[in-house]
Amino acid sequence: MATLSSGDESVEVADGKRLVLAIEQDLEIGIMHRCGGNAMCTTCRVVFTAGEPTTMTEAELDLLEGRDLLGEARLSCQIRAEGEMTFTPVLTKESEGTDNPGDTPDPDIQPPPVWTERP
């Protein structure tokens, strides 16, 4: 089991669950995911304070580099829950003033992940 913490909330979820879904379903935080969790929009960004994974998908790396966000945030749609993770979602339904965070992401990371070490 993975332990996820954001603010004062903490939950346990199955190892390997997509972080964007765990944030939305288990922590009950309305994180944005405008592209449906397909590593295309960066609205599902989180900032880690502990437990940041040492690997990332090539899709995440390419998008973060292209938007000058590498080293500042991670894409929750490209991360699997594991160990103890503490983070803050950057964009939420509340912060964006919307009821629609985007299409529900697939349970599996999309596009199919090719893993690389985090720079």
PDB file of N, CA and C in Angstrom:
ATOM      1  N   MET A   1       0.825  -1.191   0.000  1.00  0.00           N
ATOM      2  CA  MET A   1       0.000   0.000   0.000  1.00  0.00           C
ATOM      3  C   MET A   1       0.871   1.258   0.000  1.00  0.00           C
ATOM      4  N   ALA A   2       0.388   2.261  -0.710  1.00  0.00           N
ATOM      5  CA  ALA A   2       1.062   3.553  -0.745  1.00  0.00           C
ATOM      6  C   ALA A   2       0.322   4.509   0.192  1.00  0.00           C
ATOM      7  N   THR A   3       1.058   5.407   0.811  1.00  0.00           N
ATOM      8  CA  THR A   3       0.468   6.434   1.662  1.00  0.00           C
ATOM      9  C   THR A   3       0.634   7.778   0.976  1.00  0.00           C
ATOM     10  N   LEU A   4      -0.482   8.426   0.709  1.00  0.00           N
ATOM     11  CA  LEU A   4      -0.472   9.716   0.024  1.00  0.00           C
ATOM     12  C   LEU A   4      -0.936  10.792   0.978  1.00  0.00           C
ATOM     13  N   SER A   5      -0.230  11.908   0.993  1.00  0.00           N
ATOM     14  CA  SER A   5      -0.588  13.019   1.871  1.00  0.00           C
ATOM     15  C   SER A   5      -0.578  14.327   1.091  1.00  0.00           C
ATOM     16  N   SER A   6      -1.616  15.122   1.354  1.00  0.00           N
ATOM     17  CA  SER A   6      -1.700  16.458   0.774  1.00  0.00           C
ATOM     18  C   SER A   6      -2.404  17.337   1.791  1.00  0.00           C
ATOM     19  N   GLY A   7      -1.737  18.360   2.238  1.00  0.00           N
ATOM     20  CA  GLY A   7      -2.303  19.194   3.293  1.00  0.00           C
ATOM     21  C   GLY A   7      -2.448  18.373   4.561  1.00  0.00           C
ATOM     22  N   ASP A   8      -3.613  18.431   5.179  1.00  0.00           N
ATOM     23  CA  ASP A   8      -3.864  17.675   6.406  1.00  0.00           C
ATOM     24  C   ASP A   8      -4.424  16.289   6.130  1.00  0.00           C
ATOM     25  N   GLU A   9      -4.688  15.957   4.873  1.00  0.00           N
ATOM     26  CA  GLU A   9      -5.300  14.686   4.508  1.00  0.00           C
ATOM     27  C   GLU A   9      -4.240  13.643   4.169  1.00  0.00           C
ATOM     28  N   SER A  10      -4.526  12.402   4.573  1.00  0.00           N
ATOM     29  CA  SER A  10      -3.638  11.288   4.271  1.00  0.00           C
ATOM     30  C   SER A  10      -4.500  10.055   4.026  1.00  0.00           C
ATOM     31  N   VAL A  11      -4.171   9.290   2.990  1.00  0.00           N
ATOM     32  CA  VAL A  11      -4.916   8.069   2.674  1.00  0.00           C
ATOM     33  C   VAL A  11      -3.949   6.978   2.239  1.00  0.00           C
ATOM     34  N   GLU A  12      -4.408   5.757   2.315  1.00  0.00           N
ATOM     35  CA  GLU A  12      -3.661   4.628   1.779  1.00  0.00           C
ATOM     36  C   GLU A  12      -4.373   4.156   0.527  1.00  0.00           C
ATOM     37  N   VAL A  13      -3.587   3.897  -0.517  1.00  0.00           N
ATOM     38  CA  VAL A  13      -4.126   3.405  -1.785  1.00  0.00           C
ATOM     39  C   VAL A  13      -3.257   2.241  -2.253  1.00  0.00           C
ATOM     40  N   ALA A  14      -3.778   1.484  -3.166  1.00  0.00           N
ATOM     41  CA  ALA A  14      -3.025   0.365  -3.720  1.00  0.00           C
ATOM     42  C   ALA A  14      -1.791   0.871  -4.451  1.00  0.00           C
ATOM     43  N   ASP A  15      -0.661   0.200  -4.222  1.00  0.00           N
ATOM     44  CA  ASP A  15       0.546   0.518  -4.990  1.00  0.00           C
ATOM     45  C   ASP A  15       0.220   0.422  -6.471  1.00  0.00           C
ATOM     46  N   GLY A  16       0.727   1.364  -7.239  1.00  0.00           N
ATOM     47  CA  GLY A  16       0.556   1.330  -8.680  1.00  0.00           C
ATOM     48  C   GLY A  16      -0.637   2.099  -9.195  1.00  0.00           C
ATOM     49  N   LYS A  17      -1.529   2.550  -8.304  1.00  0.00           N
ATOM     50  CA  LYS A  17      -2.671   3.337  -8.759  1.00  0.00           C
ATOM     51  C   LYS A  17      -2.168   4.649  -9.338  1.00  0.00           C
ATOM     52  N   ARG A  18      -2.763   5.051 -10.410  1.00  0.00           N
ATOM     53  CA  ARG A  18      -2.408   6.319 -11.029  1.00  0.00           C
ATOM     54  C   ARG A  18      -2.627   7.460 -10.043  1.00  0.00           C
ATOM     55  N   LEU A  19      -1.620   8.288  -9.846  1.00  0.00           N
ATOM     56  CA  LEU A  19      -1.689   9.335  -8.835  1.00  0.00           C
ATOM     57  C   LEU A  19      -2.839  10.297  -9.089  1.00  0.00           C
ATOM     58  N   VAL A  20      -3.076  10.699 -10.311  1.00  0.00           N
ATOM     59  CA  VAL A  20      -4.164  11.627 -10.611  1.00  0.00           C
ATOM     60  C   VAL A  20      -5.502  11.064 -10.144  1.00  0.00           C
ATOM     61  N   LEU A  21      -5.707   9.761 -10.321  1.00  0.00           N
ATOM     62  CA  LEU A  21      -6.954   9.138  -9.872  1.00  0.00           C
ATOM     63  C   LEU A  21      -7.015   9.015  -8.358  1.00  0.00           C
ATOM     64  N   ALA A  22      -5.891   8.700  -7.733  1.00  0.00           N
ATOM     65  CA  ALA A  22      -5.857   8.601  -6.273  1.00  0.00           C
ATOM     66  C   ALA A  22      -6.157   9.960  -5.633  1.00  0.00           C
ATOM     67  N   ILE A  23      -5.627  11.020  -6.206  1.00  0.00           N
ATOM     68  CA  ILE A  23      -5.880  12.365  -5.678  1.00  0.00           C
ATOM     69  C   ILE A  23      -7.370  12.675  -5.772  1.00  0.00           C
ATOM     70  N   GLU A  24      -7.951  12.395  -6.917  1.00  0.00           N
ATOM     71  CA  GLU A  24      -9.359  12.710  -7.142  1.00  0.00           C
ATOM     72  C   GLU A  24     -10.293  11.781  -6.359  1.00  0.00           C
ATOM     73  N   GLN A  25     -10.040  10.485  -6.402  1.00  0.00           N
ATOM     74  CA  GLN A  25     -10.967   9.512  -5.824  1.00  0.00           C
ATOM     75  C   GLN A  25     -10.730   9.240  -4.344  1.00  0.00           C
ATOM     76  N   ASP A  26      -9.496   9.154  -3.924  1.00  0.00           N
ATOM     77  CA  ASP A  26      -9.192   8.765  -2.549  1.00  0.00           C
ATOM     78  C   ASP A  26      -8.958   9.962  -1.631  1.00  0.00           C
ATOM     79  N   LEU A  27      -8.208  10.950  -2.094  1.00  0.00           N
ATOM     80  CA  LEU A  27      -8.022  12.167  -1.298  1.00  0.00           C
ATOM     81  C   LEU A  27      -9.198  13.137  -1.458  1.00  0.00           C
ATOM     82  N   GLU A  28     -10.010  12.888  -2.483  1.00  0.00           N
ATOM     83  CA  GLU A  28     -11.183  13.714  -2.783  1.00  0.00           C
ATOM     84  C   GLU A  28     -10.823  15.177  -3.008  1.00  0.00           C
ATOM     85  N   ILE A  29      -9.736  15.368  -3.753  1.00  0.00           N
ATOM     86  CA  ILE A  29      -9.297  16.699  -4.179  1.00  0.00           C
ATOM     87  C   ILE A  29      -9.611  16.815  -5.661  1.00  0.00           C
ATOM     88  N   GLY A  30     -10.257  17.882  -6.053  1.00  0.00           N
ATOM     89  CA  GLY A  30     -10.657  18.071  -7.445  1.00  0.00           C
ATOM     90  C   GLY A  30      -9.515  18.541  -8.318  1.00  0.00           C
ATOM     91  N   ILE A  31      -8.505  17.691  -8.488  1.00  0.00           N
ATOM     92  CA  ILE A  31      -7.345  18.060  -9.315  1.00  0.00           C
ATOM     93  C   ILE A  31      -7.767  18.175 -10.777  1.00  0.00           C
ATOM     94  N   MET A  32      -7.178  19.132 -11.458  1.00  0.00           N
ATOM     95  CA  MET A  32      -7.464  19.325 -12.883  1.00  0.00           C
ATOM     96  C   MET A  32      -6.755  18.248 -13.709  1.00  0.00           C
ATOM     97  N   HIS A  33      -7.387  17.889 -14.827  1.00  0.00           N
ATOM     98  CA  HIS A  33      -6.811  16.957 -15.801  1.00  0.00           C
ATOM     99  C   HIS A  33      -7.503  17.175 -17.142  1.00  0.00           C
ATOM    100  N   ARG A  34      -7.309  18.361 -17.666  1.00  0.00           N
ATOM    101  CA  ARG A  34      -8.001  18.812 -18.881  1.00  0.00           C
ATOM    102  C   ARG A  34      -7.836  17.867 -20.071  1.00  0.00           C
ATOM    103  N   CYS A  35      -6.675  17.237 -20.213  1.00  0.00           N
ATOM    104  CA  CYS A  35      -6.442  16.365 -21.375  1.00  0.00           C
ATOM    105  C   CYS A  35      -6.867  14.928 -21.106  1.00  0.00           C
ATOM    106  N   GLY A  36      -7.497  14.682 -19.958  1.00  0.00           N
ATOM    107  CA  GLY A  36      -7.922  13.331 -19.633  1.00  0.00           C
ATOM    108  C   GLY A  36      -6.791  12.435 -19.171  1.00  0.00           C
ATOM    109  N   GLY A  37      -5.698  13.034 -18.739  1.00  0.00           N
ATOM    110  CA  GLY A  37      -4.580  12.254 -18.211  1.00  0.00           C
ATOM    111  C   GLY A  37      -3.693  11.641 -19.265  1.00  0.00           C
ATOM    112  N   ASN A  38      -3.497  12.356 -20.369  1.00  0.00           N
ATOM    113  CA  ASN A  38      -2.719  11.840 -21.495  1.00  0.00           C
ATOM    114  C   ASN A  38      -1.397  12.562 -21.724  1.00  0.00           C
ATOM    115  N   ALA A  39      -0.887  13.247 -20.712  1.00  0.00           N
ATOM    116  CA  ALA A  39       0.405  13.953 -20.789  1.00  0.00           C
ATOM    117  C   ALA A  39       0.441  14.962 -21.928  1.00  0.00           C
ATOM    118  N   MET A  40      -0.628  15.772 -21.995  1.00  0.00           N
ATOM    119  CA  MET A  40      -0.681  16.772 -23.054  1.00  0.00           C
ATOM    120  C   MET A  40      -0.897  18.202 -22.559  1.00  0.00           C
ATOM    121  N   CYS A  41      -1.360  18.381 -21.274  1.00  0.00           N
ATOM    122  CA  CYS A  41      -1.780  19.726 -20.896  1.00  0.00           C
ATOM    123  C   CYS A  41      -1.097  20.313 -19.660  1.00  0.00           C
ATOM    124  N   THR A  42      -0.552  19.545 -18.794  1.00  0.00           N
ATOM    125  CA  THR A  42       0.126  19.945 -17.540  1.00  0.00           C
ATOM    126  C   THR A  42      -0.811  20.481 -16.459  1.00  0.00           C
ATOM    127  N   THR A  43      -2.134  20.319 -16.594  1.00  0.00           N
ATOM    128  CA  THR A  43      -3.030  20.828 -15.557  1.00  0.00           C
ATOM    129  C   THR A  43      -3.054  19.934 -14.316  1.00  0.00           C
ATOM    130  N   CYS A  44      -2.536  18.724 -14.401  1.00  0.00           N
ATOM    131  CA  CYS A  44      -2.542  17.800 -13.255  1.00  0.00           C
ATOM    132  C   CYS A  44      -1.244  17.877 -12.450  1.00  0.00           C
ATOM    133  N   ARG A  45      -0.549  19.001 -12.532  1.00  0.00           N
ATOM    134  CA  ARG A  45       0.741  19.152 -11.847  1.00  0.00           C
ATOM    135  C   ARG A  45       0.618  19.037 -10.336  1.00  0.00           C
ATOM    136  N   VAL A  46       1.643  18.434  -9.746  1.00  0.00           N
ATOM    137  CA  VAL A  46       1.792  18.385  -8.296  1.00  0.00           C
ATOM    138  C   VAL A  46       3.219  18.790  -7.961  1.00  0.00           C
ATOM    139  N   VAL A  47       3.386  19.352  -6.761  1.00  0.00           N
ATOM    140  CA  VAL A  47       4.708  19.680  -6.250  1.00  0.00           C
ATOM    141  C   VAL A  47       4.943  18.763  -5.051  1.00  0.00           C
ATOM    142  N   PHE A  48       5.997  17.964  -5.129  1.00  0.00           N
ATOM    143  CA  PHE A  48       6.321  17.025  -4.058  1.00  0.00           C
ATOM    144  C   PHE A  48       7.124  17.698  -2.961  1.00  0.00           C
ATOM    145  N   THR A  49       6.807  17.336  -1.721  1.00  0.00           N
ATOM    146  CA  THR A  49       7.638  17.725  -0.586  1.00  0.00           C
ATOM    147  C   THR A  49       8.339  16.509  -0.003  1.00  0.00           C
ATOM    148  N   ALA A  50       7.869  15.309  -0.369  1.00  0.00           N
ATOM    149  CA  ALA A  50       8.514  14.061   0.053  1.00  0.00           C
ATOM    150  C   ALA A  50       8.028  12.928  -0.850  1.00  0.00           C
ATOM    151  N   GLY A  51       8.903  11.983  -1.089  1.00  0.00           N
ATOM    152  CA  GLY A  51       8.528  10.776  -1.811  1.00  0.00           C
ATOM    153  C   GLY A  51       8.419  10.907  -3.316  1.00  0.00           C
ATOM    154  N   GLU A  52       9.050  11.917  -3.892  1.00  0.00           N
ATOM    155  CA  GLU A  52       8.993  12.068  -5.344  1.00  0.00           C
ATOM    156  C   GLU A  52       9.677  10.879  -6.018  1.00  0.00           C
ATOM    157  N   PRO A  53       9.002  10.270  -6.990  1.00  0.00           N
ATOM    158  CA  PRO A  53       9.611   9.129  -7.689  1.00  0.00           C
ATOM    159  C   PRO A  53      10.896   9.533  -8.421  1.00  0.00           C
ATOM    160  N   THR A  54      11.831   8.597  -8.509  1.00  0.00           N
ATOM    161  CA  THR A  54      13.094   8.863  -9.188  1.00  0.00           C
ATOM    162  C   THR A  54      13.011   8.587 -10.687  1.00  0.00           C
ATOM    163  N   THR A  55      11.904   7.984 -11.128  1.00  0.00           N
ATOM    164  CA  THR A  55      11.700   7.740 -12.550  1.00  0.00           C
ATOM    165  C   THR A  55      10.528   8.571 -13.043  1.00  0.00           C
ATOM    166  N   MET A  56      10.459   8.735 -14.351  1.00  0.00           N
ATOM    167  CA  MET A  56       9.337   9.426 -14.977  1.00  0.00           C
ATOM    168  C   MET A  56       9.151   8.866 -16.378  1.00  0.00           C
ATOM    169  N   THR A  57       7.990   9.096 -16.949  1.00  0.00           N
ATOM    170  CA  THR A  57       7.775   8.646 -18.313  1.00  0.00           C
ATOM    171  C   THR A  57       8.453   9.617 -19.269  1.00  0.00           C
ATOM    172  N   GLU A  58       8.802   9.123 -20.438  1.00  0.00           N
ATOM    173  CA  GLU A  58       9.384  10.009 -21.450  1.00  0.00           C
ATOM    174  C   GLU A  58       8.385  11.079 -21.858  1.00  0.00           C
ATOM    175  N   ALA A  59       7.079  10.738 -21.863  1.00  0.00           N
ATOM    176  CA  ALA A  59       6.045  11.722 -22.206  1.00  0.00           C
ATOM    177  C   ALA A  59       6.044  12.866 -21.194  1.00  0.00           C
ATOM    178  N   GLU A  60       6.167  12.538 -19.899  1.00  0.00           N
ATOM    179  CA  GLU A  60       6.219  13.573 -18.866  1.00  0.00           C
ATOM    180  C   GLU A  60       7.476  14.420 -19.023  1.00  0.00           C
ATOM    181  N   LEU A  61       8.604  13.774 -19.207  1.00  0.00           N
ATOM    182  CA  LEU A  61       9.871  14.492 -19.370  1.00  0.00           C
ATOM    183  C   LEU A  61       9.792  15.460 -20.544  1.00  0.00           C
ATOM    184  N   ASP A  62       9.314  14.995 -21.685  1.00  0.00           N
ATOM    185  CA  ASP A  62       9.225  15.846 -22.873  1.00  0.00           C
ATOM    186  C   ASP A  62       8.307  17.043 -22.644  1.00  0.00           C
ATOM    187  N   LEU A  63       7.150  16.803 -22.031  1.00  0.00           N
ATOM    188  CA  LEU A  63       6.199  17.891 -21.821  1.00  0.00           C
ATOM    189  C   LEU A  63       6.721  18.909 -20.806  1.00  0.00           C
ATOM    190  N   LEU A  64       7.282  18.423 -19.698  1.00  0.00           N
ATOM    191  CA  LEU A  64       7.816  19.351 -18.698  1.00  0.00           C
ATOM    192  C   LEU A  64       8.985  20.156 -19.248  1.00  0.00           C
ATOM    193  N   GLU A  65       9.867  19.519 -20.013  1.00  0.00           N
ATOM    194  CA  GLU A  65      10.971  20.264 -20.631  1.00  0.00           C
ATOM    195  C   GLU A  65      10.444  21.314 -21.604  1.00  0.00           C
ATOM    196  N   GLY A  66       9.456  20.942 -22.404  1.00  0.00           N
ATOM    197  CA  GLY A  66       8.898  21.852 -23.399  1.00  0.00           C
ATOM    198  C   GLY A  66       8.196  23.054 -22.799  1.00  0.00           C
ATOM    199  N   ARG A  67       7.728  22.918 -21.582  1.00  0.00           N
ATOM    200  CA  ARG A  67       7.011  24.016 -20.919  1.00  0.00           C
ATOM    201  C   ARG A  67       7.839  24.669 -19.807  1.00  0.00           C
ATOM    202  N   ASP A  68       9.136  24.361 -19.771  1.00  0.00           N
ATOM    203  CA  ASP A  68      10.049  24.909 -18.752  1.00  0.00           C
ATOM    204  C   ASP A  68       9.556  24.653 -17.323  1.00  0.00           C
ATOM    205  N   LEU A  69       9.017  23.457 -17.091  1.00  0.00           N
ATOM    206  CA  LEU A  69       8.519  23.078 -15.769  1.00  0.00           C
ATOM    207  C   LEU A  69       9.343  21.964 -15.125  1.00  0.00           C
ATOM    208  N   LEU A  70      10.351  21.467 -15.840  1.00  0.00           N
ATOM    209  CA  LEU A  70      11.162  20.381 -15.310  1.00  0.00           C
ATOM    210  C   LEU A  70      11.879  20.845 -14.045  1.00  0.00           C
ATOM    211  N   GLY A  71      11.754  20.066 -12.978  1.00  0.00           N
ATOM    212  CA  GLY A  71      12.360  20.408 -11.703  1.00  0.00           C
ATOM    213  C   GLY A  71      11.464  21.260 -10.816  1.00  0.00           C
ATOM    214  N   GLU A  72      10.336  21.723 -11.357  1.00  0.00           N
ATOM    215  CA  GLU A  72       9.417  22.553 -10.583  1.00  0.00           C
ATOM    216  C   GLU A  72       8.153  21.810 -10.190  1.00  0.00           C
ATOM    217  N   ALA A  73       7.726  20.866 -11.012  1.00  0.00           N
ATOM    218  CA  ALA A  73       6.490  20.131 -10.758  1.00  0.00           C
ATOM    219  C   ALA A  73       6.545  18.805 -11.496  1.00  0.00           C
ATOM    220  N   ARG A  74       5.604  17.943 -11.168  1.00  0.00           N
ATOM    221  CA  ARG A  74       5.467  16.644 -11.845  1.00  0.00           C
ATOM    222  C   ARG A  74       4.029  16.507 -12.320  1.00  0.00           C
ATOM    223  N   LEU A  75       3.796  15.617 -13.277  1.00  0.00           N
ATOM    224  CA  LEU A  75       2.452  15.361 -13.793  1.00  0.00           C
ATOM    225  C   LEU A  75       1.873  14.150 -13.085  1.00  0.00           C
ATOM    226  N   SER A  76       0.811  14.357 -12.318  1.00  0.00           N
ATOM    227  CA  SER A  76       0.223  13.243 -11.559  1.00  0.00           C
ATOM    228  C   SER A  76      -0.362  12.174 -12.465  1.00  0.00           C
ATOM    229  N   CYS A  77      -0.672  12.513 -13.711  1.00  0.00           N
ATOM    230  CA  CYS A  77      -1.203  11.507 -14.640  1.00  0.00           C
ATOM    231  C   CYS A  77      -0.126  10.534 -15.099  1.00  0.00           C
ATOM    232  N   GLN A  78       1.129  10.843 -14.847  1.00  0.00           N
ATOM    233  CA  GLN A  78       2.238  10.003 -15.302  1.00  0.00           C
ATOM    234  C   GLN A  78       2.967   9.330 -14.139  1.00  0.00           C
ATOM    235  N   ILE A  79       2.341   9.308 -12.978  1.00  0.00           N
ATOM    236  CA  ILE A  79       2.978   8.760 -11.778  1.00  0.00           C
ATOM    237  C   ILE A  79       2.101   7.682 -11.181  1.00  0.00           C
ATOM    238  N   ARG A  80       2.739   6.609 -10.732  1.00  0.00           N
ATOM    239  CA  ARG A  80       2.047   5.550  -9.995  1.00  0.00           C
ATOM    240  C   ARG A  80       2.299   5.765  -8.507  1.00  0.00           C
ATOM    241  N   ALA A  81       1.262   5.575  -7.712  1.00  0.00           N
ATOM    242  CA  ALA A  81       1.391   5.695  -6.260  1.00  0.00           C
ATOM    243  C   ALA A  81       2.316   4.599  -5.748  1.00  0.00           C
ATOM    244  N   GLU A  82       3.261   5.006  -4.903  1.00  0.00           N
ATOM    245  CA  GLU A  82       4.177   4.037  -4.294  1.00  0.00           C
ATOM    246  C   GLU A  82       4.803   4.649  -3.051  1.00  0.00           C
ATOM    247  N   GLY A  83       5.012   3.829  -2.037  1.00  0.00           N
ATOM    248  CA  GLY A  83       5.667   4.296  -0.813  1.00  0.00           C
ATOM    249  C   GLY A  83       4.881   5.407  -0.148  1.00  0.00           C
ATOM    250  N   GLU A  84       5.613   6.339   0.437  1.00  0.00           N
ATOM    251  CA  GLU A  84       4.999   7.500   1.087  1.00  0.00           C
ATOM    252  C   GLU A  84       5.253   8.728   0.229  1.00  0.00           C
ATOM    253  N   MET A  85       4.176   9.361  -0.211  1.00  0.00           N
ATOM    254  CA  MET A  85       4.264  10.534  -1.072  1.00  0.00           C
ATOM    255  C   MET A  85       3.512  11.693  -0.441  1.00  0.00           C
ATOM    256  N   THR A  86       4.174  12.840  -0.379  1.00  0.00           N
ATOM    257  CA  THR A  86       3.550  14.052   0.127  1.00  0.00           C
ATOM    258  C   THR A  86       3.689  15.121  -0.955  1.00  0.00           C
ATOM    259  N   PHE A  87       2.597  15.768  -1.283  1.00  0.00           N
ATOM    260  CA  PHE A  87       2.586  16.695  -2.422  1.00  0.00           C
ATOM    261  C   PHE A  87       1.454  17.686  -2.283  1.00  0.00           C
ATOM    262  N   THR A  88       1.503  18.704  -3.142  1.00  0.00           N
ATOM    263  CA  THR A  88       0.434  19.691  -3.246  1.00  0.00           C
ATOM    264  C   THR A  88       0.006  19.775  -4.697  1.00  0.00           C
ATOM    265  N   PRO A  89      -1.282  19.564  -4.996  1.00  0.00           N
ATOM    266  CA  PRO A  89      -1.766  19.786  -6.359  1.00  0.00           C
ATOM    267  C   PRO A  89      -1.685  21.272  -6.702  1.00  0.00           C
ATOM    268  N   VAL A  90      -1.274  21.584  -7.913  1.00  0.00           N
ATOM    269  CA  VAL A  90      -1.116  22.981  -8.325  1.00  0.00           C
ATOM    270  C   VAL A  90      -2.449  23.582  -8.763  1.00  0.00           C
ATOM    271  N   LEU A  91      -3.182  22.867  -9.608  1.00  0.00           N
ATOM    272  CA  LEU A  91      -4.452  23.376 -10.126  1.00  0.00           C
ATOM    273  C   LEU A  91      -5.590  22.449  -9.708  1.00  0.00           C
ATOM    274  N   THR A  92      -6.613  23.029  -9.089  1.00  0.00           N
ATOM    275  CA  THR A  92      -7.777  22.256  -8.674  1.00  0.00           C
ATOM    276  C   THR A  92      -9.041  22.910  -9.223  1.00  0.00           C
ATOM    277  N   LYS A  93     -10.136  22.186  -9.151  1.00  0.00           N
ATOM    278  CA  LYS A  93     -11.412  22.763  -9.582  1.00  0.00           C
ATOM    279  C   LYS A  93     -11.688  24.049  -8.813  1.00  0.00           C
ATOM    280  N   GLU A  94     -11.379  24.037  -7.524  1.00  0.00           N
ATOM    281  CA  GLU A  94     -11.611  25.219  -6.688  1.00  0.00           C
ATOM    282  C   GLU A  94     -10.744  26.399  -7.129  1.00  0.00           C
ATOM    283  N   SER A  95      -9.444  26.157  -7.331  1.00  0.00           N
ATOM    284  CA  SER A  95      -8.551  27.257  -7.709  1.00  0.00           C
ATOM    285  C   SER A  95      -8.848  27.794  -9.107  1.00  0.00           C
ATOM    286  N   GLU A  96      -9.405  26.926  -9.957  1.00  0.00           N
ATOM    287  CA  GLU A  96      -9.712  27.337 -11.330  1.00  0.00           C
ATOM    288  C   GLU A  96     -11.150  27.805 -11.498  1.00  0.00           C
ATOM    289  N   GLY A  97     -11.975  27.677 -10.445  1.00  0.00           N
ATOM    290  CA  GLY A  97     -13.359  28.140 -10.502  1.00  0.00           C
ATOM    291  C   GLY A  97     -14.200  27.372 -11.499  1.00  0.00           C
ATOM    292  N   THR A  98     -14.057  26.055 -11.520  1.00  0.00           N
ATOM    293  CA  THR A  98     -14.811  25.237 -12.461  1.00  0.00           C
ATOM    294  C   THR A  98     -15.319  23.971 -11.781  1.00  0.00           C
ATOM    295  N   ASP A  99     -16.343  23.398 -12.350  1.00  0.00           N
ATOM    296  CA  ASP A  99     -16.845  22.107 -11.878  1.00  0.00           C
ATOM    297  C   ASP A  99     -16.347  20.977 -12.757  1.00  0.00           C
ATOM    298  N   ASN A 100     -15.685  21.310 -13.869  1.00  0.00           N
ATOM    299  CA  ASN A 100     -15.253  20.303 -14.831  1.00  0.00           C
ATOM    300  C   ASN A 100     -13.730  20.227 -14.891  1.00  0.00           C
ATOM    301  N   PRO A 101     -13.127  19.208 -14.234  1.00  0.00           N
ATOM    302  CA  PRO A 101     -11.674  19.099 -14.253  1.00  0.00           C
ATOM    303  C   PRO A 101     -11.124  18.520 -15.551  1.00  0.00           C
ATOM    304  N   GLY A 102     -12.002  17.909 -16.367  1.00  0.00           N
ATOM    305  CA  GLY A 102     -11.588  17.252 -17.604  1.00  0.00           C
ATOM    306  C   GLY A 102     -12.132  15.834 -17.628  1.00  0.00           C
ATOM    307  N   ASP A 103     -11.911  15.143 -18.738  1.00  0.00           N
ATOM    308  CA  ASP A 103     -12.374  13.761 -18.864  1.00  0.00           C
ATOM    309  C   ASP A 103     -11.663  12.875 -17.849  1.00  0.00           C
ATOM    310  N   THR A 104     -12.366  11.870 -17.342  1.00  0.00           N
ATOM    311  CA  THR A 104     -11.790  10.957 -16.363  1.00  0.00           C
ATOM    312  C   THR A 104     -10.641  10.178 -16.992  1.00  0.00           C
ATOM    313  N   PRO A 105      -9.463  10.218 -16.371  1.00  0.00           N
ATOM    314  CA  PRO A 105      -8.317   9.482 -16.904  1.00  0.00           C
ATOM    315  C   PRO A 105      -8.522   7.964 -16.852  1.00  0.00           C
ATOM    316  N   ASP A 106      -7.926   7.282 -17.796  1.00  0.00           N
ATOM    317  CA  ASP A 106      -7.901   5.825 -17.850  1.00  0.00           C
ATOM    318  C   ASP A 106      -7.165   5.309 -16.609  1.00  0.00           C
ATOM    319  N   PRO A 107      -7.487   4.112 -16.119  1.00  0.00           N
ATOM    320  CA  PRO A 107      -6.744   3.563 -14.973  1.00  0.00           C
ATOM    321  C   PRO A 107      -5.263   3.309 -15.259  1.00  0.00           C
ATOM    322  N   ASP A 108      -4.909   3.113 -16.532  1.00  0.00           N
ATOM    323  CA  ASP A 108      -3.523   2.886 -16.927  1.00  0.00           C
ATOM    324  C   ASP A 108      -2.909   4.166 -17.472  1.00  0.00           C
ATOM    325  N   ILE A 109      -1.637   4.360 -17.186  1.00  0.00           N
ATOM    326  CA  ILE A 109      -0.936   5.542 -17.676  1.00  0.00           C
ATOM    327  C   ILE A 109      -0.983   5.578 -19.199  1.00  0.00           C
ATOM    328  N   GLN A 110      -1.342   6.749 -19.704  1.00  0.00           N
ATOM    329  CA  GLN A 110      -1.419   6.994 -21.139  1.00  0.00           C
ATOM    330  C   GLN A 110      -0.570   8.214 -21.470  1.00  0.00           C
ATOM    331  N   PRO A 111       0.134   8.231 -22.589  1.00  0.00           N
ATOM    332  CA  PRO A 111       0.348   7.085 -23.468  1.00  0.00           C
ATOM    333  C   PRO A 111       1.102   5.981 -22.731  1.00  0.00           C
ATOM    334  N   PRO A 112       1.070   4.747 -23.281  1.00  0.00           N
ATOM    335  CA  PRO A 112       1.779   3.655 -22.601  1.00  0.00           C
ATOM    336  C   PRO A 112       3.198   4.097 -22.233  1.00  0.00           C
ATOM    337  N   PRO A 113       3.559   3.935 -20.965  1.00  0.00           N
ATOM    338  CA  PRO A 113       4.810   4.543 -20.483  1.00  0.00           C
ATOM    339  C   PRO A 113       6.088   3.880 -20.981  1.00  0.00           C
ATOM    340  N   VAL A 114       7.032   4.739 -21.288  1.00  0.00           N
ATOM    341  CA  VAL A 114       8.427   4.364 -21.489  1.00  0.00           C
ATOM    342  C   VAL A 114       9.151   5.094 -20.351  1.00  0.00           C
ATOM    343  N   TRP A 115       9.751   4.348 -19.433  1.00  0.00           N
ATOM    344  CA  TRP A 115      10.326   4.925 -18.218  1.00  0.00           C
ATOM    345  C   TRP A 115      11.754   5.374 -18.408  1.00  0.00           C
ATOM    346  N   THR A 116      12.097   6.464 -17.750  1.00  0.00           N
ATOM    347  CA  THR A 116      13.451   7.002 -17.767  1.00  0.00           C
ATOM    348  C   THR A 116      13.762   7.559 -16.367  1.00  0.00           C
ATOM    349  N   GLU A 117      15.026   7.766 -16.074  1.00  0.00           N
ATOM    350  CA  GLU A 117      15.403   8.362 -14.801  1.00  0.00           C
ATOM    351  C   GLU A 117      15.068   9.839 -14.807  1.00  0.00           C
ATOM    352  N   ARG A 118      14.610  10.336 -13.675  1.00  0.00           N
ATOM    353  CA  ARG A 118      14.307  11.767 -13.537  1.00  0.00           C
ATOM    354  C   ARG A 118      15.647  12.531 -13.521  1.00  0.00           C
ATOM    355  N   PRO A 119      15.765  13.561 -14.366  1.00  0.00           N
ATOM    356  CA  PRO A 119      17.004  14.353 -14.358  1.00  0.00           C
ATOM    357  C   PRO A 119      17.212  15.097 -13.051  1.00  0.00           C
TER     358      PRO A 119
END
